[in-house]
Amino acid sequence: MTVFFAIISLILLISGALLFWQVREQRNMIAEMLESEDIPDTDHDPELVLTLRIRDPIAVAKRESRAGRILADRLPVMARKMVYQEVVRELEQELEERDIEVEMHVEYR
């Protein structure tokens, strides 16, 4: 029984060594490719960004304010902008109360 475990251990050790060698070879190959293509090696983590989209800003404008009811039918683009600006303002206030520093922007796409 000990011989069996010794053989299994030896096989696992060899397999682990081969996997370790493969990982090192792949890292070296990637580094060479980045160097040959003049791509800088990026060691930093990607930046996380939160995107918020209001599904029906016109309905929100109509529901939340008297002026929104009037503007939503006549000037829908302006009503959408106002809804987004108000959402940003309210979110900033809420996060500020919790001492969370944020940087918010409204992007027009």
Protein backbone atom coordinates (compact mmCIF):
# COMPACT_ATOMS: atom_id res chain seq x y z
CA MET A 1 0.00 0.00 0.00
CA THR A 2 2.83 2.44 0.77
CA VAL A 3 4.40 1.68 -2.60
CA PHE A 4 1.10 2.60 -4.25
CA PHE A 5 0.95 5.94 -2.38
CA ALA A 6 4.60 6.62 -3.19
CA ILE A 7 3.95 6.08 -6.91
CA ILE A 8 0.83 8.29 -6.83
CA SER A 9 2.78 11.00 -4.97
CA LEU A 10 5.57 10.81 -7.53
CA ILE A 11 3.07 11.08 -10.41
CA LEU A 12 1.39 14.08 -8.75
CA LEU A 13 4.76 15.72 -8.13
CA ILE A 14 5.77 15.30 -11.77
CA SER A 15 2.37 16.56 -12.98
CA GLY A 16 2.62 19.62 -10.71
CA ALA A 17 6.13 20.35 -11.96
CA LEU A 18 4.99 20.10 -15.59
CA LEU A 19 2.05 22.45 -14.95
CA PHE A 20 4.33 24.92 -13.18
CA TRP A 21 6.77 24.80 -16.12
CA GLN A 22 3.91 25.38 -18.59
CA VAL A 23 2.66 28.43 -16.67
CA ARG A 24 6.18 29.92 -16.60
CA GLU A 25 6.60 29.30 -20.34
CA GLN A 26 3.25 30.96 -21.10
CA ARG A 27 4.14 34.00 -18.98
CA ASN A 28 7.49 34.31 -20.75
CA MET A 29 5.82 33.98 -24.14
CA ILE A 30 3.24 36.66 -23.28
CA ALA A 31 5.96 38.98 -22.02
CA GLU A 32 7.93 38.49 -25.25
CA MET A 33 4.84 39.17 -27.37
CA LEU A 34 4.04 42.35 -25.43
CA GLU A 35 7.63 43.48 -25.80
CA SER A 36 7.78 42.76 -29.54
CA GLU A 37 4.48 44.62 -30.15
CA ASP A 38 5.54 47.59 -27.97
CA ILE A 39 2.54 47.12 -25.69
CA PRO A 40 3.25 48.28 -22.15
CA ASP A 41 2.79 45.67 -19.45
CA THR A 42 -0.18 46.76 -17.39
CA ASP A 43 -0.01 45.51 -13.82
CA HIS A 44 -2.84 47.65 -12.46
CA ASP A 45 -6.39 46.38 -12.04
CA PRO A 46 -9.08 47.69 -14.38
CA GLU A 47 -11.14 50.62 -13.17
CA LEU A 48 -14.68 49.75 -12.15
CA VAL A 49 -17.42 52.06 -13.40
CA LEU A 50 -21.07 52.05 -12.41
CA THR A 51 -23.56 52.92 -15.16
CA LEU A 52 -27.09 54.01 -14.35
CA ARG A 53 -29.85 54.20 -16.94
CA ILE A 54 -33.35 55.34 -16.10
CA ARG A 55 -35.71 53.19 -18.13
CA ASP A 56 -38.57 55.69 -18.43
CA PRO A 57 -37.44 59.21 -17.50
CA ILE A 58 -40.59 60.78 -18.94
CA ALA A 59 -42.80 58.77 -16.57
CA VAL A 60 -40.53 59.75 -13.67
CA ALA A 61 -40.77 63.42 -14.64
CA LYS A 62 -44.56 63.24 -14.81
CA ARG A 63 -44.82 61.42 -11.50
CA GLU A 64 -42.34 63.47 -9.49
CA SER A 65 -43.10 67.10 -10.31
CA ARG A 66 -45.77 69.42 -11.57
CA ALA A 67 -43.37 71.08 -14.00
CA GLY A 68 -42.36 67.61 -15.21
CA ARG A 69 -45.93 66.87 -16.26
CA ILE A 70 -45.98 69.99 -18.40
CA LEU A 71 -42.46 69.63 -19.83
CA ALA A 72 -42.61 65.88 -20.49
CA ASP A 73 -45.17 66.19 -23.27
CA ARG A 74 -43.86 69.39 -24.85
CA LEU A 75 -40.08 69.16 -24.30
CA PRO A 76 -39.19 65.50 -23.67
CA VAL A 77 -35.44 65.98 -24.16
CA MET A 78 -35.35 68.73 -21.56
CA ALA A 79 -37.46 66.59 -19.18
CA ARG A 80 -35.01 63.69 -19.55
CA LYS A 81 -32.05 65.95 -18.79
CA MET A 82 -33.79 67.34 -15.73
CA VAL A 83 -34.61 63.85 -14.43
CA TYR A 84 -31.00 62.72 -14.79
CA GLN A 85 -29.68 65.89 -13.17
CA GLU A 86 -32.02 65.44 -10.22
CA VAL A 87 -31.09 61.77 -9.84
CA VAL A 88 -27.39 62.71 -9.81
CA ARG A 89 -28.04 65.43 -7.24
CA GLU A 90 -30.01 63.08 -4.96
CA LEU A 91 -27.45 60.28 -5.25
CA GLU A 92 -24.63 62.67 -4.42
CA GLN A 93 -26.50 63.87 -1.34
CA GLU A 94 -27.20 60.33 -0.16
CA LEU A 95 -23.62 59.19 -0.67
CA GLU A 96 -22.26 62.36 0.94
CA GLU A 97 -24.35 61.64 4.05
CA ARG A 98 -22.66 58.24 4.22
CA ASP A 99 -19.17 59.77 3.72
CA ILE A 100 -18.64 58.06 0.36
CA GLU A 101 -16.63 60.14 -2.07
CA VAL A 102 -17.89 59.83 -5.64
CA GLU A 103 -17.37 61.47 -8.99
CA MET A 104 -20.56 61.53 -11.06
CA HIS A 105 -21.10 62.61 -14.62
CA VAL A 106 -24.02 62.50 -17.00
CA GLU A 107 -22.89 61.22 -20.39
CA TYR A 108 -24.87 61.95 -23.53
CA ARG A 109 -24.55 59.15 -26.07
